[in-house]
């Protein structure tokens, strides 16, 4: 008898329908919250920006775990390290760009 463990559905990297539905519903909720706050002018400008950033961060986490299956990989550590490295580069470029734009005073 052949061993088919490496091709069994339980080791497949695809999520279940329940996982996709939960991710979709969370994504919708995390999108509606900032829209409702902005459209109804519920908070000050600073608090609105903070809420939008928090919802964006949560949306990022939902996308990673429910749709990109970060936790389902056989070696998630490598994917996580690559993700963290990419985020460090992204934050460096964004922070550097903001710093240059803020302090580049033409005089």
PDB file of N, CA and C in Angstrom:
ATOM      1  N   UNK A   1       0.814  -1.179   0.000  1.00  0.00           N
ATOM      2  CA  UNK A   1       0.000   0.000   0.000  1.00  0.00           C
ATOM      3  C   UNK A   1       0.861   1.247   0.000  1.00  0.00           C
ATOM      4  N   UNK A   2       0.464   2.222  -0.804  1.00  0.00           N
ATOM      5  CA  UNK A   2       1.216   3.470  -0.881  1.00  0.00           C
ATOM      6  C   UNK A   2       0.788   4.406   0.236  1.00  0.00           C
ATOM      7  N   UNK A   3       1.719   5.234   0.645  1.00  0.00           N
ATOM      8  CA  UNK A   3       1.441   6.218   1.672  1.00  0.00           C
ATOM      9  C   UNK A   3       1.079   7.542   1.008  1.00  0.00           C
ATOM     10  N   UNK A   4      -0.133   7.999   1.196  1.00  0.00           N
ATOM     11  CA  UNK A   4      -0.620   9.232   0.573  1.00  0.00           C
ATOM     12  C   UNK A   4      -0.758  10.372   1.575  1.00  0.00           C
ATOM     13  N   UNK A   5      -0.032  10.300   2.668  1.00  0.00           N
ATOM     14  CA  UNK A   5      -0.181  11.332   3.698  1.00  0.00           C
ATOM     15  C   UNK A   5       0.171  12.723   3.214  1.00  0.00           C
ATOM     16  N   UNK A   6       1.158  12.838   2.322  1.00  0.00           N
ATOM     17  CA  UNK A   6       1.555  14.168   1.870  1.00  0.00           C
ATOM     18  C   UNK A   6       0.527  14.801   0.949  1.00  0.00           C
ATOM     19  N   UNK A   7      -0.398  14.010   0.418  1.00  0.00           N
ATOM     20  CA  UNK A   7      -1.412  14.544  -0.486  1.00  0.00           C
ATOM     21  C   UNK A   7      -2.817  14.495   0.106  1.00  0.00           C
ATOM     22  N   UNK A   8      -2.911  14.220   1.386  1.00  0.00           N
ATOM     23  CA  UNK A   8      -4.232  14.102   1.990  1.00  0.00           C
ATOM     24  C   UNK A   8      -4.861  15.484   2.159  1.00  0.00           C
ATOM     25  N   UNK A   9      -6.187  15.546   2.113  1.00  0.00           N
ATOM     26  CA  UNK A   9      -6.874  16.831   2.259  1.00  0.00           C
ATOM     27  C   UNK A   9      -6.600  17.524   3.582  1.00  0.00           C
ATOM     28  N   UNK A  10      -6.288  16.761   4.634  1.00  0.00           N
ATOM     29  CA  UNK A  10      -6.057  17.390   5.934  1.00  0.00           C
ATOM     30  C   UNK A  10      -4.767  18.204   5.948  1.00  0.00           C
ATOM     31  N   UNK A  11      -3.818  17.912   5.033  1.00  0.00           N
ATOM     32  CA  UNK A  11      -2.568  18.655   4.972  1.00  0.00           C
ATOM     33  C   UNK A  11      -2.614  19.735   3.911  1.00  0.00           C
ATOM     34  N   UNK A  12      -3.747  19.899   3.288  1.00  0.00           N
ATOM     35  CA  UNK A  12      -3.895  20.900   2.240  1.00  0.00           C
ATOM     36  C   UNK A  12      -3.862  22.287   2.859  1.00  0.00           C
ATOM     37  N   UNK A  13      -3.318  23.274   2.140  1.00  0.00           N
ATOM     38  CA  UNK A  13      -3.164  24.605   2.708  1.00  0.00           C
ATOM     39  C   UNK A  13      -4.390  25.482   2.495  1.00  0.00           C
ATOM     40  N   UNK A  14      -5.479  24.907   2.027  1.00  0.00           N
ATOM     41  CA  UNK A  14      -6.693  25.685   1.799  1.00  0.00           C
ATOM     42  C   UNK A  14      -7.540  25.700   3.062  1.00  0.00           C
ATOM     43  N   UNK A  15      -8.231  26.819   3.280  1.00  0.00           N
ATOM     44  CA  UNK A  15      -9.074  26.952   4.448  1.00  0.00           C
ATOM     45  C   UNK A  15     -10.445  26.337   4.227  1.00  0.00           C
ATOM     46  N   UNK A  16     -11.188  26.220   5.290  1.00  0.00           N
ATOM     47  CA  UNK A  16     -12.536  25.699   5.204  1.00  0.00           C
ATOM     48  C   UNK A  16     -13.504  26.827   4.839  1.00  0.00           C
ATOM     49  N   UNK A  17     -14.687  26.460   4.443  1.00  0.00           N
ATOM     50  CA  UNK A  17     -15.713  27.451   4.128  1.00  0.00           C
ATOM     51  C   UNK A  17     -16.022  28.287   5.367  1.00  0.00           C
ATOM     52  N   UNK A  18     -16.056  27.651   6.528  1.00  0.00           N
ATOM     53  CA  UNK A  18     -16.316  28.369   7.781  1.00  0.00           C
ATOM     54  C   UNK A  18     -15.239  29.431   8.020  1.00  0.00           C
ATOM     55  N   UNK A  19     -13.985  29.083   7.793  1.00  0.00           N
ATOM     56  CA  UNK A  19     -12.879  30.024   7.967  1.00  0.00           C
ATOM     57  C   UNK A  19     -13.011  31.210   7.022  1.00  0.00           C
ATOM     58  N   UNK A  20     -13.354  30.940   5.768  1.00  0.00           N
ATOM     59  CA  UNK A  20     -13.514  32.018   4.790  1.00  0.00           C
ATOM     60  C   UNK A  20     -14.691  32.929   5.138  1.00  0.00           C
ATOM     61  N   UNK A  21     -15.784  32.348   5.589  1.00  0.00           N
ATOM     62  CA  UNK A  21     -16.959  33.150   5.948  1.00  0.00           C
ATOM     63  C   UNK A  21     -16.646  34.032   7.165  1.00  0.00           C
ATOM     64  N   UNK A  22     -15.987  33.458   8.167  1.00  0.00           N
ATOM     65  CA  UNK A  22     -15.615  34.243   9.348  1.00  0.00           C
ATOM     66  C   UNK A  22     -14.692  35.391   8.947  1.00  0.00           C
ATOM     67  N   UNK A  23     -13.695  35.102   8.108  1.00  0.00           N
ATOM     68  CA  UNK A  23     -12.783  36.142   7.637  1.00  0.00           C
ATOM     69  C   UNK A  23     -13.498  37.220   6.847  1.00  0.00           C
ATOM     70  N   UNK A  24     -14.436  36.808   5.998  1.00  0.00           N
ATOM     71  CA  UNK A  24     -15.196  37.765   5.194  1.00  0.00           C
ATOM     72  C   UNK A  24     -16.053  38.668   6.069  1.00  0.00           C
ATOM     73  N   UNK A  25     -16.751  38.074   7.039  1.00  0.00           N
ATOM     74  CA  UNK A  25     -17.617  38.857   7.931  1.00  0.00           C
ATOM     75  C   UNK A  25     -16.776  39.827   8.767  1.00  0.00           C
ATOM     76  N   UNK A  26     -15.646  39.358   9.288  1.00  0.00           N
ATOM     77  CA  UNK A  26     -14.777  40.252  10.050  1.00  0.00           C
ATOM     78  C   UNK A  26     -14.249  41.387   9.176  1.00  0.00           C
ATOM     79  N   UNK A  27     -13.904  41.081   7.936  1.00  0.00           N
ATOM     80  CA  UNK A  27     -13.421  42.122   7.019  1.00  0.00           C
ATOM     81  C   UNK A  27     -14.493  43.170   6.759  1.00  0.00           C
ATOM     82  N   UNK A  28     -15.721  42.725   6.574  1.00  0.00           N
ATOM     83  CA  UNK A  28     -16.829  43.656   6.347  1.00  0.00           C
ATOM     84  C   UNK A  28     -17.037  44.545   7.580  1.00  0.00           C
ATOM     85  N   UNK A  29     -17.041  43.932   8.758  1.00  0.00           N
ATOM     86  CA  UNK A  29     -17.243  44.698   9.994  1.00  0.00           C
ATOM     87  C   UNK A  29     -16.119  45.713  10.190  1.00  0.00           C
ATOM     88  N   UNK A  30     -14.878  45.273   9.956  1.00  0.00           N
ATOM     89  CA  UNK A  30     -13.734  46.166  10.135  1.00  0.00           C
ATOM     90  C   UNK A  30     -13.672  47.252   9.071  1.00  0.00           C
ATOM     91  N   UNK A  31     -14.419  47.114   8.013  1.00  0.00           N
ATOM     92  CA  UNK A  31     -14.525  48.164   6.998  1.00  0.00           C
ATOM     93  C   UNK A  31     -15.672  49.116   7.323  1.00  0.00           C
ATOM     94  N   UNK A  32     -16.774  48.576   7.816  1.00  0.00           N
ATOM     95  CA  UNK A  32     -17.960  49.395   8.104  1.00  0.00           C
ATOM     96  C   UNK A  32     -17.724  50.331   9.293  1.00  0.00           C
ATOM     97  N   UNK A  33     -16.981  49.876  10.296  1.00  0.00           N
ATOM     98  CA  UNK A  33     -16.764  50.706  11.488  1.00  0.00           C
ATOM     99  C   UNK A  33     -16.134  52.055  11.133  1.00  0.00           C
ATOM    100  N   UNK A  34     -14.999  52.093  10.417  1.00  0.00           N
ATOM    101  CA  UNK A  34     -14.438  53.413  10.077  1.00  0.00           C
ATOM    102  C   UNK A  34     -15.332  54.223   9.139  1.00  0.00           C
ATOM    103  N   UNK A  35     -16.023  53.541   8.227  1.00  0.00           N
ATOM    104  CA  UNK A  35     -16.924  54.271   7.319  1.00  0.00           C
ATOM    105  C   UNK A  35     -18.024  54.956   8.122  1.00  0.00           C
ATOM    106  N   UNK A  36     -18.608  54.239   9.084  1.00  0.00           N
ATOM    107  CA  UNK A  36     -19.674  54.817   9.903  1.00  0.00           C
ATOM    108  C   UNK A  36     -19.159  55.991  10.726  1.00  0.00           C
ATOM    109  N   UNK A  37     -17.961  55.856  11.261  1.00  0.00           N
ATOM    110  CA  UNK A  37     -17.388  56.941  12.071  1.00  0.00           C
ATOM    111  C   UNK A  37     -17.143  58.180  11.217  1.00  0.00           C
ATOM    112  N   UNK A  38     -16.607  57.996  10.019  1.00  0.00           N
ATOM    113  CA  UNK A  38     -16.312  59.139   9.151  1.00  0.00           C
ATOM    114  C   UNK A  38     -17.594  59.767   8.611  1.00  0.00           C
ATOM    115  N   UNK A  39     -18.517  58.946   8.145  1.00  0.00           N
ATOM    116  CA  UNK A  39     -19.750  59.469   7.535  1.00  0.00           C
ATOM    117  C   UNK A  39     -20.629  60.202   8.535  1.00  0.00           C
ATOM    118  N   UNK A  40     -20.627  59.760   9.790  1.00  0.00           N
ATOM    119  CA  UNK A  40     -21.471  60.388  10.813  1.00  0.00           C
ATOM    120  C   UNK A  40     -20.721  61.400  11.675  1.00  0.00           C
ATOM    121  N   UNK A  41     -19.453  61.633  11.354  1.00  0.00           N
ATOM    122  CA  UNK A  41     -18.631  62.607  12.078  1.00  0.00           C
ATOM    123  C   UNK A  41     -18.731  62.388  13.590  1.00  0.00           C
ATOM    124  N   UNK A  42     -18.474  61.144  14.009  1.00  0.00           N
ATOM    125  CA  UNK A  42     -18.669  60.749  15.399  1.00  0.00           C
ATOM    126  C   UNK A  42     -17.522  61.151  16.322  1.00  0.00           C
ATOM    127  N   UNK A  43     -16.306  61.218  15.798  1.00  0.00           N
ATOM    128  CA  UNK A  43     -15.135  61.490  16.633  1.00  0.00           C
ATOM    129  C   UNK A  43     -14.358  62.675  16.076  1.00  0.00           C
ATOM    130  N   UNK A  44     -13.420  63.150  16.879  1.00  0.00           N
ATOM    131  CA  UNK A  44     -12.547  64.225  16.390  1.00  0.00           C
ATOM    132  C   UNK A  44     -11.648  63.672  15.281  1.00  0.00           C
ATOM    133  N   UNK A  45     -10.974  64.573  14.601  1.00  0.00           N
ATOM    134  CA  UNK A  45     -10.126  64.167  13.477  1.00  0.00           C
ATOM    135  C   UNK A  45      -9.025  63.206  13.930  1.00  0.00           C
ATOM    136  N   UNK A  46      -8.382  63.505  15.050  1.00  0.00           N
ATOM    137  CA  UNK A  46      -7.298  62.668  15.542  1.00  0.00           C
ATOM    138  C   UNK A  46      -7.797  61.281  15.941  1.00  0.00           C
ATOM    139  N   UNK A  47      -8.898  61.230  16.656  1.00  0.00           N
ATOM    140  CA  UNK A  47      -9.453  59.932  17.055  1.00  0.00           C
ATOM    141  C   UNK A  47      -9.935  59.127  15.853  1.00  0.00           C
ATOM    142  N   UNK A  48     -10.487  59.814  14.859  1.00  0.00           N
ATOM    143  CA  UNK A  48     -10.923  59.135  13.642  1.00  0.00           C
ATOM    144  C   UNK A  48      -9.739  58.486  12.948  1.00  0.00           C
ATOM    145  N   UNK A  49      -8.632  59.211  12.851  1.00  0.00           N
ATOM    146  CA  UNK A  49      -7.432  58.654  12.218  1.00  0.00           C
ATOM    147  C   UNK A  49      -6.916  57.461  13.010  1.00  0.00           C
ATOM    148  N   UNK A  50      -6.934  57.558  14.338  1.00  0.00           N
ATOM    149  CA  UNK A  50      -6.483  56.446  15.176  1.00  0.00           C
ATOM    150  C   UNK A  50      -7.370  55.220  14.967  1.00  0.00           C
ATOM    151  N   UNK A  51      -8.677  55.414  14.948  1.00  0.00           N
ATOM    152  CA  UNK A  51      -9.603  54.293  14.734  1.00  0.00           C
ATOM    153  C   UNK A  51      -9.376  53.672  13.357  1.00  0.00           C
ATOM    154  N   UNK A  52      -9.190  54.498  12.332  1.00  0.00           N
ATOM    155  CA  UNK A  52      -8.947  53.975  10.987  1.00  0.00           C
ATOM    156  C   UNK A  52      -7.672  53.144  10.967  1.00  0.00           C
ATOM    157  N   UNK A  53      -6.609  53.625  11.613  1.00  0.00           N
ATOM    158  CA  UNK A  53      -5.349  52.875  11.641  1.00  0.00           C
ATOM    159  C   UNK A  53      -5.486  51.562  12.405  1.00  0.00           C
ATOM    160  N   UNK A  54      -6.209  51.589  13.514  1.00  0.00           N
ATOM    161  CA  UNK A  54      -6.422  50.357  14.283  1.00  0.00           C
ATOM    162  C   UNK A  54      -7.232  49.347  13.466  1.00  0.00           C
ATOM    163  N   UNK A  55      -8.288  49.808  12.820  1.00  0.00           N
ATOM    164  CA  UNK A  55      -9.101  48.911  11.993  1.00  0.00           C
ATOM    165  C   UNK A  55      -8.289  48.364  10.812  1.00  0.00           C
ATOM    166  N   UNK A  56      -7.410  49.186  10.250  1.00  0.00           N
ATOM    167  CA  UNK A  56      -6.554  48.718   9.153  1.00  0.00           C
ATOM    168  C   UNK A  56      -5.600  47.634   9.649  1.00  0.00           C
ATOM    169  N   UNK A  57      -5.044  47.818  10.829  1.00  0.00           N
ATOM    170  CA  UNK A  57      -4.159  46.805  11.402  1.00  0.00           C
ATOM    171  C   UNK A  57      -4.886  45.501  11.673  1.00  0.00           C
ATOM    172  N   UNK A  58      -6.080  45.604  12.231  1.00  0.00           N
ATOM    173  CA  UNK A  58      -6.885  44.409  12.482  1.00  0.00           C
ATOM    174  C   UNK A  58      -7.281  43.729  11.167  1.00  0.00           C
ATOM    175  N   UNK A  59      -7.607  44.538  10.160  1.00  0.00           N
ATOM    176  CA  UNK A  59      -7.941  44.001   8.845  1.00  0.00           C
ATOM    177  C   UNK A  59      -6.747  43.219   8.263  1.00  0.00           C
ATOM    178  N   UNK A  60      -5.556  43.754   8.465  1.00  0.00           N
ATOM    179  CA  UNK A  60      -4.330  43.096   8.012  1.00  0.00           C
ATOM    180  C   UNK A  60      -4.185  41.727   8.674  1.00  0.00           C
ATOM    181  N   UNK A  61      -4.401  41.674   9.973  1.00  0.00           N
ATOM    182  CA  UNK A  61      -4.295  40.417  10.706  1.00  0.00           C
ATOM    183  C   UNK A  61      -5.353  39.417  10.227  1.00  0.00           C
ATOM    184  N   UNK A  62      -6.577  39.881  10.031  1.00  0.00           N
ATOM    185  CA  UNK A  62      -7.649  39.008   9.538  1.00  0.00           C
ATOM    186  C   UNK A  62      -7.270  38.432   8.180  1.00  0.00           C
ATOM    187  N   UNK A  63      -6.755  39.271   7.282  1.00  0.00           N
ATOM    188  CA  UNK A  63      -6.360  38.806   5.954  1.00  0.00           C
ATOM    189  C   UNK A  63      -5.262  37.749   6.053  1.00  0.00           C
ATOM    190  N   UNK A  64      -4.285  37.977   6.914  1.00  0.00           N
ATOM    191  CA  UNK A  64      -3.186  37.020   7.057  1.00  0.00           C
ATOM    192  C   UNK A  64      -3.656  35.660   7.553  1.00  0.00           C
ATOM    193  N   UNK A  65      -4.482  35.653   8.574  1.00  0.00           N
ATOM    194  CA  UNK A  65      -4.839  34.387   9.192  1.00  0.00           C
ATOM    195  C   UNK A  65      -5.993  33.669   8.509  1.00  0.00           C
ATOM    196  N   UNK A  66      -6.976  34.393   7.981  1.00  0.00           N
ATOM    197  CA  UNK A  66      -8.137  33.734   7.413  1.00  0.00           C
ATOM    198  C   UNK A  66      -8.015  33.491   5.909  1.00  0.00           C
ATOM    199  N   UNK A  67      -7.263  34.314   5.203  1.00  0.00           N
ATOM    200  CA  UNK A  67      -7.191  34.164   3.753  1.00  0.00           C
ATOM    201  C   UNK A  67      -5.819  33.729   3.256  1.00  0.00           C
ATOM    202  N   UNK A  68      -4.755  34.146   3.911  1.00  0.00           N
ATOM    203  CA  UNK A  68      -3.415  33.776   3.462  1.00  0.00           C
ATOM    204  C   UNK A  68      -2.865  32.587   4.246  1.00  0.00           C
ATOM    205  N   UNK A  69      -3.616  32.108   5.220  1.00  0.00           N
ATOM    206  CA  UNK A  69      -3.307  30.886   5.971  1.00  0.00           C
ATOM    207  C   UNK A  69      -1.913  30.909   6.582  1.00  0.00           C
ATOM    208  N   UNK A  70      -1.548  32.013   7.180  1.00  0.00           N
ATOM    209  CA  UNK A  70      -0.223  32.137   7.770  1.00  0.00           C
ATOM    210  C   UNK A  70       0.013  31.083   8.842  1.00  0.00           C
ATOM    211  N   UNK A  71      -0.998  30.780   9.631  1.00  0.00           N
ATOM    212  CA  UNK A  71      -0.828  29.818  10.723  1.00  0.00           C
ATOM    213  C   UNK A  71      -0.906  28.366  10.257  1.00  0.00           C
ATOM    214  N   UNK A  72      -1.359  28.110   9.026  1.00  0.00           N
ATOM    215  CA  UNK A  72      -1.564  26.743   8.547  1.00  0.00           C
ATOM    216  C   UNK A  72      -0.359  26.145   7.844  1.00  0.00           C
ATOM    217  N   UNK A  73       0.682  26.925   7.638  1.00  0.00           N
ATOM    218  CA  UNK A  73       1.859  26.434   6.927  1.00  0.00           C
ATOM    219  C   UNK A  73       2.613  25.402   7.767  1.00  0.00           C
ATOM    220  N   UNK A  74       3.313  24.509   7.086  1.00  0.00           N
ATOM    221  CA  UNK A  74       4.140  23.531   7.795  1.00  0.00           C
ATOM    222  C   UNK A  74       5.297  24.225   8.498  1.00  0.00           C
ATOM    223  N   UNK A  75       5.838  25.254   7.863  1.00  0.00           N
ATOM    224  CA  UNK A  75       6.933  26.029   8.443  1.00  0.00           C
ATOM    225  C   UNK A  75       6.522  27.497   8.521  1.00  0.00           C
ATOM    226  N   UNK A  76       5.592  27.858   9.423  1.00  0.00           N
ATOM    227  CA  UNK A  76       5.114  29.241   9.473  1.00  0.00           C
ATOM    228  C   UNK A  76       6.183  30.232   9.903  1.00  0.00           C
ATOM    229  N   UNK A  77       7.225  29.757  10.549  1.00  0.00           N
ATOM    230  CA  UNK A  77       8.266  30.650  11.028  1.00  0.00           C
ATOM    231  C   UNK A  77       8.938  31.382   9.865  1.00  0.00           C
ATOM    232  N   UNK A  78       9.177  30.681   8.744  1.00  0.00           N
ATOM    233  CA  UNK A  78       9.811  31.312   7.591  1.00  0.00           C
ATOM    234  C   UNK A  78       8.906  32.376   6.979  1.00  0.00           C
ATOM    235  N   UNK A  79       7.634  32.070   6.874  1.00  0.00           N
ATOM    236  CA  UNK A  79       6.689  33.052   6.335  1.00  0.00           C
ATOM    237  C   UNK A  79       6.579  34.265   7.254  1.00  0.00           C
ATOM    238  N   UNK A  80       6.562  34.016   8.537  1.00  0.00           N
ATOM    239  CA  UNK A  80       6.462  35.109   9.497  1.00  0.00           C
ATOM    240  C   UNK A  80       7.710  35.991   9.442  1.00  0.00           C
ATOM    241  N   UNK A  81       8.876  35.376   9.332  1.00  0.00           N
ATOM    242  CA  UNK A  81      10.110  36.160   9.249  1.00  0.00           C
ATOM    243  C   UNK A  81      10.134  37.000   7.978  1.00  0.00           C
ATOM    244  N   UNK A  82       9.692  36.429   6.863  1.00  0.00           N
ATOM    245  CA  UNK A  82       9.647  37.186   5.609  1.00  0.00           C
ATOM    246  C   UNK A  82       8.645  38.332   5.718  1.00  0.00           C
ATOM    247  N   UNK A  83       7.519  38.091   6.364  1.00  0.00           N
ATOM    248  CA  UNK A  83       6.511  39.128   6.554  1.00  0.00           C
ATOM    249  C   UNK A  83       7.056  40.254   7.435  1.00  0.00           C
ATOM    250  N   UNK A  84       7.696  39.917   8.526  1.00  0.00           N
ATOM    251  CA  UNK A  84       8.252  40.935   9.417  1.00  0.00           C
ATOM    252  C   UNK A  84       9.330  41.741   8.698  1.00  0.00           C
ATOM    253  N   UNK A  85      10.182  41.080   7.931  1.00  0.00           N
ATOM    254  CA  UNK A  85      11.214  41.788   7.176  1.00  0.00           C
ATOM    255  C   UNK A  85      10.586  42.761   6.179  1.00  0.00           C
ATOM    256  N   UNK A  86       9.553  42.308   5.474  1.00  0.00           N
ATOM    257  CA  UNK A  86       8.854  43.185   4.534  1.00  0.00           C
ATOM    258  C   UNK A  86       8.214  44.371   5.228  1.00  0.00           C
ATOM    259  N   UNK A  87       7.624  44.139   6.401  1.00  0.00           N
ATOM    260  CA  UNK A  87       7.009  45.233   7.157  1.00  0.00           C
ATOM    261  C   UNK A  87       8.050  46.233   7.645  1.00  0.00           C
ATOM    262  N   UNK A  88       9.217  45.749   8.053  1.00  0.00           N
ATOM    263  CA  UNK A  88      10.282  46.660   8.481  1.00  0.00           C
ATOM    264  C   UNK A  88      10.714  47.545   7.318  1.00  0.00           C
ATOM    265  N   UNK A  89      10.881  46.956   6.152  1.00  0.00           N
ATOM    266  CA  UNK A  89      11.258  47.750   4.971  1.00  0.00           C
ATOM    267  C   UNK A  89      10.156  48.749   4.637  1.00  0.00           C
ATOM    268  N   UNK A  90       8.901  48.296   4.657  1.00  0.00           N
ATOM    269  CA  UNK A  90       7.778  49.179   4.361  1.00  0.00           C
ATOM    270  C   UNK A  90       7.713  50.346   5.336  1.00  0.00           C
ATOM    271  N   UNK A  91       7.810  50.065   6.626  1.00  0.00           N
ATOM    272  CA  UNK A  91       7.758  51.122   7.633  1.00  0.00           C
ATOM    273  C   UNK A  91       8.941  52.081   7.509  1.00  0.00           C
ATOM    274  N   UNK A  92      10.116  51.563   7.168  1.00  0.00           N
ATOM    275  CA  UNK A  92      11.283  52.419   6.977  1.00  0.00           C
ATOM    276  C   UNK A  92      11.073  53.369   5.810  1.00  0.00           C
ATOM    277  N   UNK A  93      10.556  52.859   4.708  1.00  0.00           N
ATOM    278  CA  UNK A  93      10.315  53.706   3.531  1.00  0.00           C
ATOM    279  C   UNK A  93       9.234  54.744   3.825  1.00  0.00           C
ATOM    280  N   UNK A  94       8.144  54.327   4.456  1.00  0.00           N
ATOM    281  CA  UNK A  94       7.054  55.260   4.762  1.00  0.00           C
ATOM    282  C   UNK A  94       7.509  56.311   5.768  1.00  0.00           C
ATOM    283  N   UNK A  95       8.156  55.880   6.853  1.00  0.00           N
ATOM    284  CA  UNK A  95       8.621  56.840   7.865  1.00  0.00           C
ATOM    285  C   UNK A  95       9.663  57.783   7.276  1.00  0.00           C
ATOM    286  N   UNK A  96      10.571  57.258   6.469  1.00  0.00           N
ATOM    287  CA  UNK A  96      11.571  58.107   5.827  1.00  0.00           C
ATOM    288  C   UNK A  96      10.944  59.114   4.882  1.00  0.00           C
ATOM    289  N   UNK A  97       9.960  58.690   4.126  1.00  0.00           N
ATOM    290  CA  UNK A  97       9.272  59.600   3.210  1.00  0.00           C
ATOM    291  C   UNK A  97       8.542  60.701   3.964  1.00  0.00           C
ATOM    292  N   UNK A  98       7.860  60.331   5.044  1.00  0.00           N
ATOM    293  CA  UNK A  98       7.153  61.335   5.853  1.00  0.00           C
ATOM    294  C   UNK A  98       8.148  62.306   6.478  1.00  0.00           C
ATOM    295  N   UNK A  99       9.262  61.785   6.972  1.00  0.00           N
ATOM    296  CA  UNK A  99      10.283  62.632   7.577  1.00  0.00           C
ATOM    297  C   UNK A  99      10.851  63.618   6.559  1.00  0.00           C
ATOM    298  N   UNK A 100      11.154  63.135   5.363  1.00  0.00           N
ATOM    299  CA  UNK A 100      11.699  64.003   4.324  1.00  0.00           C
ATOM    300  C   UNK A 100      10.671  65.071   3.918  1.00  0.00           C
ATOM    301  N   UNK A 101       9.398  64.648   3.761  1.00  0.00           N
ATOM    302  CA  UNK A 101       8.369  65.614   3.374  1.00  0.00           C
ATOM    303  C   UNK A 101       8.109  66.650   4.477  1.00  0.00           C
ATOM    304  N   UNK A 102       8.218  66.233   5.737  1.00  0.00           N
ATOM    305  CA  UNK A 102       7.952  67.143   6.853  1.00  0.00           C
ATOM    306  C   UNK A 102       9.052  68.165   7.062  1.00  0.00           C
ATOM    307  N   UNK A 103      10.296  67.772   6.844  1.00  0.00           N
ATOM    308  CA  UNK A 103      11.417  68.651   7.160  1.00  0.00           C
ATOM    309  C   UNK A 103      12.128  69.208   5.930  1.00  0.00           C
ATOM    310  N   UNK A 104      11.547  69.011   4.766  1.00  0.00           N
ATOM    311  CA  UNK A 104      12.120  69.557   3.543  1.00  0.00           C
ATOM    312  C   UNK A 104      11.504  70.931   3.283  1.00  0.00           C
ATOM    313  N   UNK A 105      11.969  71.895   4.044  1.00  0.00           N
ATOM    314  CA  UNK A 105      11.416  73.242   3.948  1.00  0.00           C
ATOM    315  C   UNK A 105      12.246  74.037   2.941  1.00  0.00           C
ATOM    316  N   UNK A 106      11.573  74.525   1.905  1.00  0.00           N
ATOM    317  CA  UNK A 106      12.244  75.338   0.896  1.00  0.00           C
ATOM    318  C   UNK A 106      12.248  76.761   1.414  1.00  0.00           C
ATOM    319  N   UNK A 107      13.400  77.337   1.525  1.00  0.00           N
ATOM    320  CA  UNK A 107      13.430  78.656   2.116  1.00  0.00           C
ATOM    321  C   UNK A 107      14.269  79.567   1.387  1.00  0.00           C
TER     322      UNK A 107
END
